[in-house]
Amino acid sequence: MKAHSPTRWRFKRPSVIPGFGMALGFTLTWLTLLILIPLSGLAVRSSALGWEKFWSIALDPRTLNALRISFGSAFIAAIVNAIFGIILAWVLVRYRFPGKRIIDAMVDLPFALPTAVAGIALTTLYAPNGWIGQFLTPLGIKIAFTPAGIVVALIFVGLPFVVRTVQPVMEEIDKEVEEAAATLGANRFQTIFRVLLPGLAPAVLTGFALAFARGVGEYGSVIFIAGNLPFKSEIAPLLIVIKLEEYNYSAATGIAAIMLIISFAMLLVINLIQSWSRRRYGYGA
């Protein structure tokens, strides 16, 4: 009697997850309908422009400025969210204080709040006659209707991504790790930067990438506070909408394709760094 090879026997064993084949097929079909087909349509429509017309759209000064504002603002906002998101997650994990659950619930508010409502609320606060803006205007600081307003809006919508990504990983870090570092002579800053932050690096990078991706494509909360002035505070998604309203579909498709290429390249770099940090450090792996 011929014995079965271990490989064939492992192949025939039932999967731990019931209905794996059906679930995988449904997942791939769903991803194809929602992601691959739209992106493929965008690529096909952009390829129909031809290289000369595509580069003329890409190198147009208005397009370059809108891309610079969108990606630059999203990058700055993601960095701010990474720093303060770590601090906020640390406070929620390590300390007990009155109103902690309320603050914890408020972190998720940008998820539930419509972006247009967030934009109107931020404009009301930071306008020259707003609750906060009226104190900043005498100091020569203007937030609303400037690129700074774009950064503020993107910080608001992106903060939950960092907090909710870092918080579960931070909860898994035992306090004994901090106590061991202290017994070895490390001060608080050394414990933070040499013991805790390296282990949190994968989660921080994930939250940074999510906040950055959300900021690049954000539209609703930005258009109310940005001012939307060409070459000053006009974001790329708004420029795409303007081109569509002008029935200039080729230009809108070209700008969207450029945003897709830049976003994919930046997220790929972030994911490579994240994979390297996961292999190097223990937490978040």
Protein backbone atom coordinates (compact mmCIF):
# COMPACT_ATOMS: atom_id res chain seq x y z
CA MET A 1 0.00 0.00 0.00
CA LYS A 2 1.43 3.32 -1.10
CA ALA A 3 1.74 5.94 1.64
CA HIS A 4 0.57 9.46 1.05
CA SER A 5 3.17 12.18 0.98
CA PRO A 6 3.08 14.65 3.88
CA THR A 7 2.49 17.51 1.45
CA ARG A 8 -0.62 15.93 -0.05
CA TRP A 9 -1.91 14.99 3.41
CA ARG A 10 -1.50 18.57 4.64
CA PHE A 11 -3.27 19.80 1.51
CA LYS A 12 -6.25 17.51 2.12
CA ARG A 13 -6.66 18.40 5.77
CA PRO A 14 -9.68 20.66 6.39
CA SER A 15 -8.92 24.30 7.05
CA VAL A 16 -9.24 25.73 10.53
CA ILE A 17 -11.46 28.46 9.08
CA PRO A 18 -14.72 26.95 7.76
CA GLY A 19 -15.57 27.89 4.21
CA PHE A 20 -12.14 29.29 3.45
CA GLY A 21 -12.45 28.80 -0.29
CA MET A 22 -15.80 30.55 -0.47
CA ALA A 23 -14.64 33.34 1.83
CA LEU A 24 -11.47 33.89 -0.23
CA GLY A 25 -13.45 33.94 -3.48
CA PHE A 26 -15.93 36.42 -2.04
CA THR A 27 -13.09 38.62 -0.76
CA LEU A 28 -11.28 38.66 -4.10
CA THR A 29 -14.52 39.37 -5.97
CA TRP A 30 -15.39 42.21 -3.62
CA LEU A 31 -11.92 43.74 -3.87
CA THR A 32 -12.03 43.44 -7.64
CA LEU A 33 -15.36 45.23 -7.90
CA LEU A 34 -14.53 47.99 -5.42
CA ILE A 35 -10.80 48.59 -6.00
CA LEU A 36 -9.23 46.85 -8.99
CA ILE A 37 -11.85 47.70 -11.62
CA PRO A 38 -12.08 51.44 -10.71
CA LEU A 39 -8.29 51.75 -10.57
CA SER A 40 -7.97 49.87 -13.84
CA GLY A 41 -10.50 52.21 -15.42
CA LEU A 42 -8.50 55.19 -14.16
CA ALA A 43 -5.30 53.72 -15.60
CA VAL A 44 -6.92 52.98 -18.97
CA ARG A 45 -8.47 56.44 -19.18
CA SER A 46 -5.14 58.06 -18.26
CA SER A 47 -3.22 56.00 -20.81
CA ALA A 48 -5.56 57.29 -23.52
CA LEU A 49 -4.23 60.80 -22.93
CA GLY A 50 -0.83 60.03 -24.34
CA TRP A 51 2.49 60.88 -22.73
CA GLU A 52 2.66 64.41 -24.11
CA LYS A 53 -0.75 65.47 -22.83
CA PHE A 54 -0.27 63.59 -19.55
CA TRP A 55 3.00 65.38 -18.82
CA SER A 56 1.51 68.73 -19.80
CA ILE A 57 -1.20 68.18 -17.19
CA ALA A 58 1.30 66.90 -14.61
CA LEU A 59 3.71 69.81 -15.09
CA ASP A 60 1.04 72.49 -15.14
CA PRO A 61 1.92 75.05 -12.41
CA ARG A 62 -1.57 74.94 -10.95
CA THR A 63 -1.50 71.14 -10.75
CA LEU A 64 1.96 71.08 -9.17
CA ASN A 65 0.95 73.65 -6.57
CA ALA A 66 -2.26 71.78 -5.70
CA LEU A 67 -0.32 68.52 -5.32
CA ARG A 68 2.30 70.24 -3.19
CA ILE A 69 -0.36 71.65 -0.87
CA SER A 70 -2.26 68.35 -0.61
CA PHE A 71 0.71 66.08 0.05
CA GLY A 72 2.64 68.63 2.10
CA SER A 73 -0.30 69.41 4.37
CA ALA A 74 -1.14 65.73 4.76
CA PHE A 75 2.48 64.92 5.64
CA ILE A 76 2.72 67.70 8.24
CA ALA A 77 -0.64 66.73 9.76
CA ALA A 78 0.38 63.06 9.91
CA ILE A 79 3.61 63.95 11.75
CA VAL A 80 1.70 66.08 14.27
CA ASN A 81 -0.83 63.29 14.74
CA ALA A 82 1.94 60.73 15.24
CA ILE A 83 3.50 62.81 18.03
CA PHE A 84 0.36 63.83 19.88
CA GLY A 85 -1.40 60.54 19.11
CA ILE A 86 1.32 58.68 21.01
CA ILE A 87 0.97 61.07 23.96
CA LEU A 88 -2.82 60.77 24.00
CA ALA A 89 -2.70 56.98 23.74
CA TRP A 90 -0.15 56.87 26.57
CA VAL A 91 -2.41 58.96 28.82
CA LEU A 92 -5.43 56.78 28.06
CA VAL A 93 -3.52 53.55 28.70
CA ARG A 94 -1.31 54.41 31.67
CA TYR A 95 -3.42 56.82 33.78
CA ARG A 96 -6.79 56.83 35.48
CA PHE A 97 -8.58 60.16 35.89
CA PRO A 98 -12.13 61.54 35.94
CA GLY A 99 -13.63 61.83 32.47
CA LYS A 100 -11.27 59.30 30.93
CA ARG A 101 -14.07 57.43 29.17
CA ILE A 102 -15.45 60.68 27.77
CA ILE A 103 -12.06 61.62 26.31
CA ASP A 104 -11.65 58.09 24.99
CA ALA A 105 -15.00 58.35 23.22
CA MET A 106 -14.20 61.82 21.86
CA VAL A 107 -11.19 60.39 20.03
CA ASP A 108 -13.59 58.58 17.69
CA LEU A 109 -15.67 61.70 17.05
CA PRO A 110 -14.00 62.49 13.67
CA PHE A 111 -15.03 59.01 12.50
CA ALA A 112 -18.71 59.67 13.15
CA LEU A 113 -18.84 63.38 12.34
CA PRO A 114 -19.58 64.25 8.68
CA THR A 115 -16.57 65.93 7.13
CA ALA A 116 -18.60 68.93 5.99
CA VAL A 117 -19.80 69.50 9.55
CA ALA A 118 -16.20 69.26 10.77
CA GLY A 119 -15.11 71.83 8.19
CA ILE A 120 -17.86 74.27 9.14
CA ALA A 121 -17.12 73.85 12.85
CA LEU A 122 -13.39 74.42 12.38
CA THR A 123 -14.03 77.47 10.21
CA THR A 124 -16.32 78.89 12.87
CA LEU A 125 -13.64 78.40 15.50
CA TYR A 126 -10.63 79.69 13.57
CA ALA A 127 -12.19 82.47 11.48
CA PRO A 128 -10.88 85.98 12.33
CA ASN A 129 -14.05 86.59 14.38
CA GLY A 130 -14.33 83.01 15.70
CA TRP A 131 -13.95 81.78 19.25
CA ILE A 132 -10.26 80.98 18.79
CA GLY A 133 -9.45 83.12 15.77
CA GLN A 134 -10.35 86.36 17.52
CA PHE A 135 -7.45 85.82 19.92
CA LEU A 136 -5.00 84.80 17.18
CA THR A 137 -5.76 87.67 14.79
CA PRO A 138 -4.22 90.41 17.00
CA LEU A 139 -1.05 88.29 17.14
CA GLY A 140 -0.87 88.22 13.35
CA ILE A 141 -1.77 84.52 13.19
CA LYS A 142 -4.37 83.56 10.61
CA ILE A 143 -5.62 79.98 10.43
CA ALA A 144 -8.86 79.98 8.46
CA PHE A 145 -8.66 80.48 4.68
CA THR A 146 -4.93 79.72 4.63
CA PRO A 147 -2.82 76.56 4.16
CA ALA A 148 -2.53 76.42 7.95
CA GLY A 149 -6.27 75.83 8.08
CA ILE A 150 -5.83 72.82 5.81
CA VAL A 151 -3.31 71.33 8.23
CA VAL A 152 -5.66 71.93 11.18
CA ALA A 153 -8.52 70.17 9.38
CA LEU A 154 -6.32 67.21 8.46
CA ILE A 155 -5.05 66.93 12.04
CA PHE A 156 -8.64 66.78 13.23
CA VAL A 157 -9.70 63.99 10.85
CA GLY A 158 -6.47 61.99 11.15
CA LEU A 159 -5.83 61.86 14.90
CA PRO A 160 -8.06 58.81 15.63
CA PHE A 161 -6.09 56.67 13.18
CA VAL A 162 -2.88 57.06 15.18
CA VAL A 163 -4.47 56.74 18.61
CA ARG A 164 -6.51 53.64 17.77
CA THR A 165 -3.54 51.99 16.11
CA VAL A 166 -1.01 52.67 18.88
CA GLN A 167 -3.32 52.18 21.86
CA PRO A 168 -3.80 48.35 21.63
CA VAL A 169 -0.06 47.78 21.18
CA MET A 170 0.73 50.06 24.10
CA GLU A 171 -1.67 48.12 26.32
CA GLU A 172 0.37 44.95 25.66
CA ILE A 173 3.58 46.50 26.98
CA ASP A 174 4.02 45.45 30.59
CA LYS A 175 5.00 48.02 33.17
CA GLU A 176 7.76 45.65 34.23
CA VAL A 177 9.65 46.68 31.07
CA GLU A 178 9.73 50.28 32.29
CA GLU A 179 10.66 49.18 35.82
CA ALA A 180 13.48 47.00 34.49
CA ALA A 181 14.86 49.92 32.49
CA ALA A 182 14.71 52.12 35.58
CA THR A 183 16.54 49.56 37.70
CA LEU A 184 19.29 49.44 35.06
CA GLY A 185 19.82 53.17 35.47
CA ALA A 186 17.79 54.56 32.57
CA ASN A 187 16.06 57.88 33.12
CA ARG A 188 12.56 58.60 31.81
CA PHE A 189 13.69 59.96 28.44
CA GLN A 190 15.97 56.98 27.86
CA THR A 191 13.14 54.62 28.77
CA ILE A 192 10.82 56.34 26.31
CA PHE A 193 13.19 56.68 23.36
CA ARG A 194 15.26 53.51 23.77
CA VAL A 195 12.79 51.03 25.26
CA LEU A 196 9.20 51.99 24.48
CA LEU A 197 9.23 53.89 21.17
CA PRO A 198 11.28 51.32 19.20
CA GLY A 199 8.72 48.65 20.04
CA LEU A 200 5.86 50.97 19.08
CA ALA A 201 7.45 51.90 15.76
CA PRO A 202 5.39 49.50 13.57
CA ALA A 203 2.11 50.70 15.09
CA VAL A 204 3.15 54.35 14.85
CA LEU A 205 4.09 53.93 11.20
CA THR A 206 0.76 52.24 10.51
CA GLY A 207 -1.14 55.09 12.15
CA PHE A 208 1.01 57.62 10.30
CA ALA A 209 0.28 55.93 6.97
CA LEU A 210 -3.46 55.81 7.65
CA ALA A 211 -3.56 59.46 8.73
CA PHE A 212 -1.48 60.49 5.72
CA ALA A 213 -3.69 58.56 3.29
CA ARG A 214 -6.82 60.07 4.81
CA GLY A 215 -5.32 63.56 4.60
CA VAL A 216 -4.31 63.27 0.95
CA GLY A 217 -7.84 62.42 -0.16
CA GLU A 218 -9.72 64.62 2.31
CA TYR A 219 -12.18 67.03 0.72
CA GLY A 220 -15.24 67.85 2.81
CA SER A 221 -13.57 69.26 5.91
CA VAL A 222 -10.94 71.18 3.93
CA ILE A 223 -12.90 73.17 1.38
CA PHE A 224 -14.67 75.23 4.06
CA ILE A 225 -11.55 76.29 5.94
CA ALA A 226 -9.00 76.42 3.11
CA GLY A 227 -10.21 79.44 1.16
CA ASN A 228 -9.66 77.48 -2.08
CA LEU A 229 -7.51 80.13 -3.77
CA PRO A 230 -5.48 78.85 -6.76
CA PHE A 231 -1.72 78.78 -6.13
CA LYS A 232 -2.35 79.49 -2.43
CA SER A 233 -4.79 77.14 -0.71
CA GLU A 234 -6.22 74.94 -3.46
CA ILE A 235 -5.95 71.19 -2.84
CA ALA A 236 -5.69 68.54 -5.54
CA PRO A 237 -9.10 66.90 -4.87
CA LEU A 238 -10.76 70.30 -5.29
CA LEU A 239 -8.88 70.85 -8.55
CA ILE A 240 -10.19 67.50 -9.80
CA VAL A 241 -13.75 68.57 -8.98
CA ILE A 242 -13.19 71.88 -10.76
CA LYS A 243 -11.95 70.08 -13.87
CA LEU A 244 -14.99 67.81 -13.80
CA GLU A 245 -17.32 70.80 -13.54
CA GLU A 246 -15.55 72.27 -16.58
CA TYR A 247 -16.14 68.93 -18.41
CA ASN A 248 -12.38 68.58 -18.73
CA TYR A 249 -12.43 64.88 -17.93
CA SER A 250 -8.97 64.22 -19.35
CA ALA A 251 -7.35 66.72 -16.98
CA ALA A 252 -9.32 65.37 -14.00
CA THR A 253 -8.27 61.82 -14.87
CA GLY A 254 -4.64 62.84 -15.27
CA ILE A 255 -4.51 64.60 -11.90
CA ALA A 256 -6.19 61.63 -10.22
CA ALA A 257 -3.66 59.27 -11.79
CA ILE A 258 -0.76 61.42 -10.57
CA MET A 259 -2.19 61.41 -7.05
CA LEU A 260 -2.58 57.62 -7.22
CA ILE A 261 1.03 57.10 -8.33
CA ILE A 262 2.50 59.42 -5.67
CA SER A 263 0.29 57.96 -2.91
CA PHE A 264 1.15 54.39 -3.87
CA ALA A 265 4.87 55.14 -3.93
CA MET A 266 4.83 56.87 -0.52
CA LEU A 267 2.71 54.18 1.10
CA LEU A 268 4.97 51.49 -0.36
CA VAL A 269 8.00 53.12 1.25
CA ILE A 270 6.16 53.43 4.57
CA ASN A 271 5.12 49.76 4.44
CA LEU A 272 8.69 48.67 3.71
CA ILE A 273 9.95 50.64 6.71
CA GLN A 274 7.15 49.18 8.80
CA SER A 275 8.04 45.62 7.77
CA TRP A 276 11.68 46.25 8.64
CA SER A 277 10.77 47.61 12.08
CA ARG A 278 8.51 44.63 12.74
CA ARG A 279 11.34 42.23 12.02
CA ARG A 280 13.75 44.22 14.18
CA TYR A 281 11.60 44.86 17.29
CA GLY A 282 9.35 42.64 19.30
CA TYR A 283 6.20 44.69 19.93
CA GLY A 284 3.66 45.15 17.18
CA ALA A 285 4.99 42.16 15.24
